[in-house]
Amino acid sequence: FDYLLAQSVFSHLLPEHIEECFAHLDSVMTAEARFFFTRHPGTEFRQRSQTDFEYPKSFFENLAAKHGFTLQDYSDEYQHPRGQRMLMVVRPE
């Protein structure tokens, strides 16, 4: 795929499910692909409710690096009505 979007998906997944997604990105992304996703911001992993989770940006930075990607923050360009933040993963140039 050239573009992938996980809008309000990772905010409802446990860390191990997000890591599984990152582990398989390489097999579905073209060399120039962009993967956009949102998260509930937090200073550490925290369960907000039965199905809602917060993640620090560093969680995604570490996953991206571990799986050979770089992370860019698009939160300033993306206004979410419930305060989620937008990040993007790409392959390094």
PDB file of N, CA and C in Angstrom:
ATOM      1  N   PHE A   1       0.829  -1.184   0.000  1.00  0.00           N
ATOM      2  CA  PHE A   1       0.000   0.000   0.000  1.00  0.00           C
ATOM      3  C   PHE A   1       0.875   1.250   0.000  1.00  0.00           C
ATOM      4  N   ASP A   2       0.365   2.322  -0.580  1.00  0.00           N
ATOM      5  CA  ASP A   2       1.056   3.606  -0.562  1.00  0.00           C
ATOM      6  C   ASP A   2       0.679   4.428   0.658  1.00  0.00           C
ATOM      7  N   TYR A   3      -0.578   4.313   1.091  1.00  0.00           N
ATOM      8  CA  TYR A   3      -1.062   5.044   2.258  1.00  0.00           C
ATOM      9  C   TYR A   3      -1.857   4.100   3.142  1.00  0.00           C
ATOM     10  N   LEU A   4      -1.606   4.216   4.451  1.00  0.00           N
ATOM     11  CA  LEU A   4      -2.362   3.451   5.434  1.00  0.00           C
ATOM     12  C   LEU A   4      -2.847   4.423   6.490  1.00  0.00           C
ATOM     13  N   LEU A   5      -4.037   4.168   7.019  1.00  0.00           N
ATOM     14  CA  LEU A   5      -4.612   5.043   8.035  1.00  0.00           C
ATOM     15  C   LEU A   5      -5.247   4.194   9.136  1.00  0.00           C
ATOM     16  N   ALA A   6      -4.836   4.472  10.373  1.00  0.00           N
ATOM     17  CA  ALA A   6      -5.453   3.840  11.541  1.00  0.00           C
ATOM     18  C   ALA A   6      -6.033   4.974  12.391  1.00  0.00           C
ATOM     19  N   GLN A   7      -7.208   5.422  12.016  1.00  0.00           N
ATOM     20  CA  GLN A   7      -7.903   6.518  12.697  1.00  0.00           C
ATOM     21  C   GLN A   7      -8.647   5.953  13.898  1.00  0.00           C
ATOM     22  N   SER A   8      -8.264   6.381  15.092  1.00  0.00           N
ATOM     23  CA  SER A   8      -8.906   5.931  16.336  1.00  0.00           C
ATOM     24  C   SER A   8      -8.872   4.412  16.484  1.00  0.00           C
ATOM     25  N   VAL A   9      -7.783   3.802  16.063  1.00  0.00           N
ATOM     26  CA  VAL A   9      -7.601   2.355  16.217  1.00  0.00           C
ATOM     27  C   VAL A   9      -6.669   2.066  17.385  1.00  0.00           C
ATOM     28  N   PHE A  10      -5.469   2.649  17.362  1.00  0.00           N
ATOM     29  CA  PHE A  10      -4.479   2.356  18.402  1.00  0.00           C
ATOM     30  C   PHE A  10      -4.937   2.836  19.779  1.00  0.00           C
ATOM     31  N   SER A  11      -5.833   3.786  19.827  1.00  0.00           N
ATOM     32  CA  SER A  11      -6.356   4.250  21.117  1.00  0.00           C
ATOM     33  C   SER A  11      -7.223   3.184  21.790  1.00  0.00           C
ATOM     34  N   HIS A  12      -7.522   2.099  21.062  1.00  0.00           N
ATOM     35  CA  HIS A  12      -8.346   1.021  21.608  1.00  0.00           C
ATOM     36  C   HIS A  12      -7.616  -0.324  21.651  1.00  0.00           C
ATOM     37  N   LEU A  13      -6.296  -0.302  21.405  1.00  0.00           N
ATOM     38  CA  LEU A  13      -5.522  -1.543  21.381  1.00  0.00           C
ATOM     39  C   LEU A  13      -4.484  -1.573  22.496  1.00  0.00           C
ATOM     40  N   LEU A  14      -4.195  -2.768  22.963  1.00  0.00           N
ATOM     41  CA  LEU A  14      -3.127  -2.976  23.941  1.00  0.00           C
ATOM     42  C   LEU A  14      -1.767  -2.879  23.253  1.00  0.00           C
ATOM     43  N   PRO A  15      -0.714  -2.610  24.014  1.00  0.00           N
ATOM     44  CA  PRO A  15       0.618  -2.450  23.421  1.00  0.00           C
ATOM     45  C   PRO A  15       1.060  -3.621  22.542  1.00  0.00           C
ATOM     46  N   GLU A  16       0.789  -4.844  22.964  1.00  0.00           N
ATOM     47  CA  GLU A  16       1.244  -5.998  22.171  1.00  0.00           C
ATOM     48  C   GLU A  16       0.547  -6.076  20.820  1.00  0.00           C
ATOM     49  N   HIS A  17      -0.676  -5.577  20.716  1.00  0.00           N
ATOM     50  CA  HIS A  17      -1.371  -5.582  19.424  1.00  0.00           C
ATOM     51  C   HIS A  17      -0.802  -4.511  18.497  1.00  0.00           C
ATOM     52  N   ILE A  18      -0.426  -3.380  19.058  1.00  0.00           N
ATOM     53  CA  ILE A  18       0.194  -2.326  18.256  1.00  0.00           C
ATOM     54  C   ILE A  18       1.562  -2.788  17.767  1.00  0.00           C
ATOM     55  N   GLU A  19       2.309  -3.450  18.640  1.00  0.00           N
ATOM     56  CA  GLU A  19       3.619  -3.952  18.211  1.00  0.00           C
ATOM     57  C   GLU A  19       3.476  -4.980  17.101  1.00  0.00           C
ATOM     58  N   GLU A  20       2.470  -5.813  17.164  1.00  0.00           N
ATOM     59  CA  GLU A  20       2.242  -6.789  16.092  1.00  0.00           C
ATOM     60  C   GLU A  20       1.978  -6.072  14.768  1.00  0.00           C
ATOM     61  N   CYS A  21       1.219  -4.996  14.806  1.00  0.00           N
ATOM     62  CA  CYS A  21       0.979  -4.207  13.599  1.00  0.00           C
ATOM     63  C   CYS A  21       2.297  -3.686  13.030  1.00  0.00           C
ATOM     64  N   PHE A  22       3.115  -3.074  13.881  1.00  0.00           N
ATOM     65  CA  PHE A  22       4.398  -2.534  13.426  1.00  0.00           C
ATOM     66  C   PHE A  22       5.298  -3.635  12.865  1.00  0.00           C
ATOM     67  N   ALA A  23       5.247  -4.820  13.436  1.00  0.00           N
ATOM     68  CA  ALA A  23       6.079  -5.932  12.978  1.00  0.00           C
ATOM     69  C   ALA A  23       5.728  -6.363  11.560  1.00  0.00           C
ATOM     70  N   HIS A  24       4.499  -6.077  11.110  1.00  0.00           N
ATOM     71  CA  HIS A  24       4.058  -6.506   9.779  1.00  0.00           C
ATOM     72  C   HIS A  24       3.973  -5.365   8.766  1.00  0.00           C
ATOM     73  N   LEU A  25       4.268  -4.141   9.178  1.00  0.00           N
ATOM     74  CA  LEU A  25       4.177  -3.015   8.243  1.00  0.00           C
ATOM     75  C   LEU A  25       5.068  -3.204   7.026  1.00  0.00           C
ATOM     76  N   ASP A  26       6.262  -3.711   7.254  1.00  0.00           N
ATOM     77  CA  ASP A  26       7.226  -3.874   6.162  1.00  0.00           C
ATOM     78  C   ASP A  26       6.672  -4.732   5.020  1.00  0.00           C
ATOM     79  N   SER A  27       5.815  -5.673   5.336  1.00  0.00           N
ATOM     80  CA  SER A  27       5.289  -6.570   4.311  1.00  0.00           C
ATOM     81  C   SER A  27       4.136  -5.976   3.513  1.00  0.00           C
ATOM     82  N   VAL A  28       3.568  -4.856   3.963  1.00  0.00           N
ATOM     83  CA  VAL A  28       2.422  -4.288   3.251  1.00  0.00           C
ATOM     84  C   VAL A  28       2.662  -2.866   2.732  1.00  0.00           C
ATOM     85  N   MET A  29       3.792  -2.257   3.096  1.00  0.00           N
ATOM     86  CA  MET A  29       4.071  -0.878   2.677  1.00  0.00           C
ATOM     87  C   MET A  29       5.040  -0.850   1.508  1.00  0.00           C
ATOM     88  N   THR A  30       4.733  -0.029   0.499  1.00  0.00           N
ATOM     89  CA  THR A  30       5.690   0.212  -0.573  1.00  0.00           C
ATOM     90  C   THR A  30       6.840   1.048  -0.027  1.00  0.00           C
ATOM     91  N   ALA A  31       7.875   1.222  -0.813  1.00  0.00           N
ATOM     92  CA  ALA A  31       9.053   1.970  -0.361  1.00  0.00           C
ATOM     93  C   ALA A  31       8.729   3.420  -0.003  1.00  0.00           C
ATOM     94  N   GLU A  32       7.760   4.029  -0.670  1.00  0.00           N
ATOM     95  CA  GLU A  32       7.402   5.431  -0.434  1.00  0.00           C
ATOM     96  C   GLU A  32       6.151   5.582   0.431  1.00  0.00           C
ATOM     97  N   ALA A  33       5.661   4.509   1.000  1.00  0.00           N
ATOM     98  CA  ALA A  33       4.390   4.523   1.718  1.00  0.00           C
ATOM     99  C   ALA A  33       4.425   5.409   2.957  1.00  0.00           C
ATOM    100  N   ARG A  34       3.243   5.846   3.340  1.00  0.00           N
ATOM    101  CA  ARG A  34       3.022   6.645   4.546  1.00  0.00           C
ATOM    102  C   ARG A  34       1.944   5.954   5.379  1.00  0.00           C
ATOM    103  N   PHE A  35       2.229   5.774   6.657  1.00  0.00           N
ATOM    104  CA  PHE A  35       1.259   5.174   7.573  1.00  0.00           C
ATOM    105  C   PHE A  35       0.896   6.212   8.625  1.00  0.00           C
ATOM    106  N   PHE A  36      -0.321   6.722   8.550  1.00  0.00           N
ATOM    107  CA  PHE A  36      -0.831   7.709   9.496  1.00  0.00           C
ATOM    108  C   PHE A  36      -1.675   6.995  10.553  1.00  0.00           C
ATOM    109  N   PHE A  37      -1.522   7.431  11.809  1.00  0.00           N
ATOM    110  CA  PHE A  37      -2.337   6.861  12.870  1.00  0.00           C
ATOM    111  C   PHE A  37      -2.500   7.869  13.998  1.00  0.00           C
ATOM    112  N   THR A  38      -3.563   7.680  14.759  1.00  0.00           N
ATOM    113  CA  THR A  38      -3.836   8.568  15.886  1.00  0.00           C
ATOM    114  C   THR A  38      -3.616   7.821  17.197  1.00  0.00           C
ATOM    115  N   ARG A  39      -3.463   8.614  18.257  1.00  0.00           N
ATOM    116  CA  ARG A  39      -3.288   8.068  19.599  1.00  0.00           C
ATOM    117  C   ARG A  39      -3.855   9.055  20.603  1.00  0.00           C
ATOM    118  N   HIS A  40      -4.257   8.553  21.753  1.00  0.00           N
ATOM    119  CA  HIS A  40      -4.549   9.422  22.885  1.00  0.00           C
ATOM    120  C   HIS A  40      -3.204   9.741  23.529  1.00  0.00           C
ATOM    121  N   PRO A  41      -2.833  11.016  23.642  1.00  0.00           N
ATOM    122  CA  PRO A  41      -1.536  11.342  24.235  1.00  0.00           C
ATOM    123  C   PRO A  41      -1.511  11.110  25.742  1.00  0.00           C
ATOM    124  N   GLY A  42      -0.362  10.723  26.237  1.00  0.00           N
ATOM    125  CA  GLY A  42      -0.151  10.541  27.667  1.00  0.00           C
ATOM    126  C   GLY A  42       1.337  10.521  27.967  1.00  0.00           C
ATOM    127  N   THR A  43       1.695  10.685  29.208  1.00  0.00           N
ATOM    128  CA  THR A  43       3.110  10.658  29.590  1.00  0.00           C
ATOM    129  C   THR A  43       3.615   9.237  29.775  1.00  0.00           C
ATOM    130  N   GLU A  44       2.674   8.287  29.914  1.00  0.00           N
ATOM    131  CA  GLU A  44       3.001   6.864  30.011  1.00  0.00           C
ATOM    132  C   GLU A  44       1.773   6.081  29.562  1.00  0.00           C
ATOM    133  N   PHE A  45       1.966   4.764  29.333  1.00  0.00           N
ATOM    134  CA  PHE A  45       0.823   3.933  28.967  1.00  0.00           C
ATOM    135  C   PHE A  45      -0.168   3.946  30.126  1.00  0.00           C
ATOM    136  N   ARG A  46      -1.446   4.178  29.782  1.00  0.00           N
ATOM    137  CA  ARG A  46      -2.479   4.219  30.813  1.00  0.00           C
ATOM    138  C   ARG A  46      -3.803   3.780  30.212  1.00  0.00           C
ATOM    139  N   GLN A  47      -4.514   2.946  30.942  1.00  0.00           N
ATOM    140  CA  GLN A  47      -5.850   2.537  30.528  1.00  0.00           C
ATOM    141  C   GLN A  47      -6.847   3.567  31.033  1.00  0.00           C
ATOM    142  N   ARG A  48      -7.527   4.240  30.107  1.00  0.00           N
ATOM    143  CA  ARG A  48      -8.491   5.290  30.450  1.00  0.00           C
ATOM    144  C   ARG A  48      -9.860   4.716  30.791  1.00  0.00           C
ATOM    145  N   SER A  49     -10.202   3.624  30.143  1.00  0.00           N
ATOM    146  CA  SER A  49     -11.488   2.947  30.374  1.00  0.00           C
ATOM    147  C   SER A  49     -11.304   1.498  29.944  1.00  0.00           C
ATOM    148  N   GLN A  50     -12.381   0.767  29.910  1.00  0.00           N
ATOM    149  CA  GLN A  50     -12.305  -0.652  29.519  1.00  0.00           C
ATOM    150  C   GLN A  50     -11.690  -0.824  28.131  1.00  0.00           C
ATOM    151  N   THR A  51     -11.936   0.138  27.235  1.00  0.00           N
ATOM    152  CA  THR A  51     -11.497  -0.008  25.835  1.00  0.00           C
ATOM    153  C   THR A  51     -10.735   1.202  25.312  1.00  0.00           C
ATOM    154  N   ASP A  52     -10.154   2.000  26.163  1.00  0.00           N
ATOM    155  CA  ASP A  52      -9.518   3.249  25.749  1.00  0.00           C
ATOM    156  C   ASP A  52      -8.176   3.381  26.453  1.00  0.00           C
ATOM    157  N   PHE A  53      -7.112   3.670  25.671  1.00  0.00           N
ATOM    158  CA  PHE A  53      -5.756   3.700  26.214  1.00  0.00           C
ATOM    159  C   PHE A  53      -5.005   4.950  25.780  1.00  0.00           C
ATOM    160  N   GLU A  54      -4.115   5.423  26.637  1.00  0.00           N
ATOM    161  CA  GLU A  54      -3.194   6.524  26.327  1.00  0.00           C
ATOM    162  C   GLU A  54      -1.795   5.952  26.117  1.00  0.00           C
ATOM    163  N   TYR A  55      -1.046   6.593  25.208  1.00  0.00           N
ATOM    164  CA  TYR A  55       0.329   6.196  24.940  1.00  0.00           C
ATOM    165  C   TYR A  55       1.217   7.423  24.839  1.00  0.00           C
ATOM    166  N   PRO A  56       2.446   7.334  25.365  1.00  0.00           N
ATOM    167  CA  PRO A  56       3.389   8.423  25.130  1.00  0.00           C
ATOM    168  C   PRO A  56       3.927   8.327  23.697  1.00  0.00           C
ATOM    169  N   LYS A  57       4.318   9.425  23.154  1.00  0.00           N
ATOM    170  CA  LYS A  57       4.904   9.448  21.809  1.00  0.00           C
ATOM    171  C   LYS A  57       6.124   8.532  21.740  1.00  0.00           C
ATOM    172  N   SER A  58       6.889   8.453  22.829  1.00  0.00           N
ATOM    173  CA  SER A  58       8.101   7.622  22.850  1.00  0.00           C
ATOM    174  C   SER A  58       7.798   6.147  22.586  1.00  0.00           C
ATOM    175  N   PHE A  59       6.621   5.677  22.966  1.00  0.00           N
ATOM    176  CA  PHE A  59       6.242   4.290  22.687  1.00  0.00           C
ATOM    177  C   PHE A  59       6.291   4.036  21.182  1.00  0.00           C
ATOM    178  N   PHE A  60       5.744   4.963  20.405  1.00  0.00           N
ATOM    179  CA  PHE A  60       5.716   4.804  18.950  1.00  0.00           C
ATOM    180  C   PHE A  60       7.082   5.090  18.320  1.00  0.00           C
ATOM    181  N   GLU A  61       7.840   6.012  18.888  1.00  0.00           N
ATOM    182  CA  GLU A  61       9.202   6.256  18.404  1.00  0.00           C
ATOM    183  C   GLU A  61      10.042   4.991  18.536  1.00  0.00           C
ATOM    184  N   ASN A  62       9.935   4.324  19.678  1.00  0.00           N
ATOM    185  CA  ASN A  62      10.695   3.097  19.907  1.00  0.00           C
ATOM    186  C   ASN A  62      10.255   1.974  18.971  1.00  0.00           C
ATOM    187  N   LEU A  63       8.957   1.814  18.784  1.00  0.00           N
ATOM    188  CA  LEU A  63       8.469   0.786  17.859  1.00  0.00           C
ATOM    189  C   LEU A  63       8.929   1.062  16.428  1.00  0.00           C
ATOM    190  N   ALA A  64       8.839   2.306  16.013  1.00  0.00           N
ATOM    191  CA  ALA A  64       9.269   2.659  14.658  1.00  0.00           C
ATOM    192  C   ALA A  64      10.745   2.315  14.473  1.00  0.00           C
ATOM    193  N   ALA A  65      11.584   2.719  15.394  1.00  0.00           N
ATOM    194  CA  ALA A  65      13.030   2.446  15.299  1.00  0.00           C
ATOM    195  C   ALA A  65      13.297   0.939  15.312  1.00  0.00           C
ATOM    196  N   LYS A  66      12.622   0.219  16.175  1.00  0.00           N
ATOM    197  CA  LYS A  66      12.817  -1.234  16.286  1.00  0.00           C
ATOM    198  C   LYS A  66      12.513  -1.944  14.972  1.00  0.00           C
ATOM    199  N   HIS A  67      11.532  -1.427  14.219  1.00  0.00           N
ATOM    200  CA  HIS A  67      11.098  -2.091  12.996  1.00  0.00           C
ATOM    201  C   HIS A  67      11.593  -1.385  11.728  1.00  0.00           C
ATOM    202  N   GLY A  68      12.574  -0.485  11.880  1.00  0.00           N
ATOM    203  CA  GLY A  68      13.225   0.115  10.714  1.00  0.00           C
ATOM    204  C   GLY A  68      12.498   1.278  10.081  1.00  0.00           C
ATOM    205  N   PHE A  69      11.702   2.000  10.849  1.00  0.00           N
ATOM    206  CA  PHE A  69      10.953   3.147  10.339  1.00  0.00           C
ATOM    207  C   PHE A  69      11.329   4.406  11.101  1.00  0.00           C
ATOM    208  N   THR A  70      10.933   5.531  10.566  1.00  0.00           N
ATOM    209  CA  THR A  70      11.064   6.795  11.294  1.00  0.00           C
ATOM    210  C   THR A  70       9.660   7.340  11.550  1.00  0.00           C
ATOM    211  N   LEU A  71       9.566   8.155  12.586  1.00  0.00           N
ATOM    212  CA  LEU A  71       8.281   8.680  13.018  1.00  0.00           C
ATOM    213  C   LEU A  71       8.264  10.189  12.862  1.00  0.00           C
ATOM    214  N   GLN A  72       7.159  10.709  12.346  1.00  0.00           N
ATOM    215  CA  GLN A  72       6.969  12.148  12.230  1.00  0.00           C
ATOM    216  C   GLN A  72       5.654  12.521  12.899  1.00  0.00           C
ATOM    217  N   ASP A  73       5.641  13.670  13.544  1.00  0.00           N
ATOM    218  CA  ASP A  73       4.462  14.124  14.281  1.00  0.00           C
ATOM    219  C   ASP A  73       3.689  15.128  13.437  1.00  0.00           C
ATOM    220  N   TYR A  74       2.441  14.830  13.144  1.00  0.00           N
ATOM    221  CA  TYR A  74       1.558  15.701  12.369  1.00  0.00           C
ATOM    222  C   TYR A  74       0.428  16.253  13.231  1.00  0.00           C
ATOM    223  N   SER A  75       0.625  16.238  14.518  1.00  0.00           N
ATOM    224  CA  SER A  75      -0.429  16.645  15.437  1.00  0.00           C
ATOM    225  C   SER A  75      -0.861  18.097  15.254  1.00  0.00           C
ATOM    226  N   ASP A  76       0.066  18.981  14.916  1.00  0.00           N
ATOM    227  CA  ASP A  76      -0.294  20.386  14.732  1.00  0.00           C
ATOM    228  C   ASP A  76      -1.170  20.606  13.505  1.00  0.00           C
ATOM    229  N   GLU A  77      -1.045  19.737  12.495  1.00  0.00           N
ATOM    230  CA  GLU A  77      -1.836  19.863  11.274  1.00  0.00           C
ATOM    231  C   GLU A  77      -3.167  19.128  11.356  1.00  0.00           C
ATOM    232  N   TYR A  78      -3.382  18.391  12.423  1.00  0.00           N
ATOM    233  CA  TYR A  78      -4.557  17.531  12.545  1.00  0.00           C
ATOM    234  C   TYR A  78      -5.328  17.910  13.799  1.00  0.00           C
ATOM    235  N   GLN A  79      -6.530  18.353  13.615  1.00  0.00           N
ATOM    236  CA  GLN A  79      -7.371  18.752  14.749  1.00  0.00           C
ATOM    237  C   GLN A  79      -8.436  17.684  14.992  1.00  0.00           C
ATOM    238  N   HIS A  80      -8.264  16.926  16.054  1.00  0.00           N
ATOM    239  CA  HIS A  80      -9.209  15.868  16.395  1.00  0.00           C
ATOM    240  C   HIS A  80     -10.179  16.395  17.458  1.00  0.00           C
ATOM    241  N   PRO A  81     -11.472  16.122  17.319  1.00  0.00           N
ATOM    242  CA  PRO A  81     -12.450  16.673  18.272  1.00  0.00           C
ATOM    243  C   PRO A  81     -12.285  16.171  19.705  1.00  0.00           C
ATOM    244  N   ARG A  82     -11.595  15.045  19.896  1.00  0.00           N
ATOM    245  CA  ARG A  82     -11.396  14.510  21.256  1.00  0.00           C
ATOM    246  C   ARG A  82      -9.933  14.556  21.678  1.00  0.00           C
ATOM    247  N   GLY A  83      -9.123  15.334  20.973  1.00  0.00           N
ATOM    248  CA  GLY A  83      -7.745  15.566  21.381  1.00  0.00           C
ATOM    249  C   GLY A  83      -6.741  14.495  21.007  1.00  0.00           C
ATOM    250  N   GLN A  84      -7.113  13.565  20.131  1.00  0.00           N
ATOM    251  CA  GLN A  84      -6.115  12.596  19.692  1.00  0.00           C
ATOM    252  C   GLN A  84      -5.045  13.299  18.865  1.00  0.00           C
ATOM    253  N   ARG A  85      -3.894  12.677  18.775  1.00  0.00           N
ATOM    254  CA  ARG A  85      -2.749  13.247  18.056  1.00  0.00           C
ATOM    255  C   ARG A  85      -2.422  12.353  16.863  1.00  0.00           C
ATOM    256  N   MET A  86      -1.938  12.967  15.766  1.00  0.00           N
ATOM    257  CA  MET A  86      -1.639  12.242  14.531  1.00  0.00           C
ATOM    258  C   MET A  86      -0.131  12.063  14.384  1.00  0.00           C
ATOM    259  N   LEU A  87       0.285  10.831  14.131  1.00  0.00           N
ATOM    260  CA  LEU A  87       1.679  10.514  13.849  1.00  0.00           C
ATOM    261  C   LEU A  87       1.749   9.820  12.495  1.00  0.00           C
ATOM    262  N   MET A  88       2.962   9.819  11.905  1.00  0.00           N
ATOM    263  CA  MET A  88       3.162   9.152  10.610  1.00  0.00           C
ATOM    264  C   MET A  88       4.449   8.358  10.652  1.00  0.00           C
ATOM    265  N   VAL A  89       4.412   7.156  10.107  1.00  0.00           N
ATOM    266  CA  VAL A  89       5.581   6.290  10.001  1.00  0.00           C
ATOM    267  C   VAL A  89       5.958   6.176   8.533  1.00  0.00           C
ATOM    268  N   VAL A  90       7.261   6.312   8.260  1.00  0.00           N
ATOM    269  CA  VAL A  90       7.803   6.152   6.912  1.00  0.00           C
ATOM    270  C   VAL A  90       9.107   5.359   6.990  1.00  0.00           C
ATOM    271  N   ARG A  91       9.505   4.859   5.846  1.00  0.00           N
ATOM    272  CA  ARG A  91      10.827   4.217   5.772  1.00  0.00           C
ATOM    273  C   ARG A  91      11.878   5.326   5.729  1.00  0.00           C
ATOM    274  N   PRO A  92      13.027   5.084   6.329  1.00  0.00           N
ATOM    275  CA  PRO A  92      14.088   6.105   6.247  1.00  0.00           C
ATOM    276  C   PRO A  92      14.569   6.264   4.798  1.00  0.00           C
ATOM    277  N   GLU A  93      14.999   7.468   4.471  1.00  0.00           N
ATOM    278  CA  GLU A  93      15.489   7.716   3.103  1.00  0.00           C
ATOM    279  C   GLU A  93      16.859   7.144   2.893  1.00  0.00           C
TER     280      GLU A  93
END
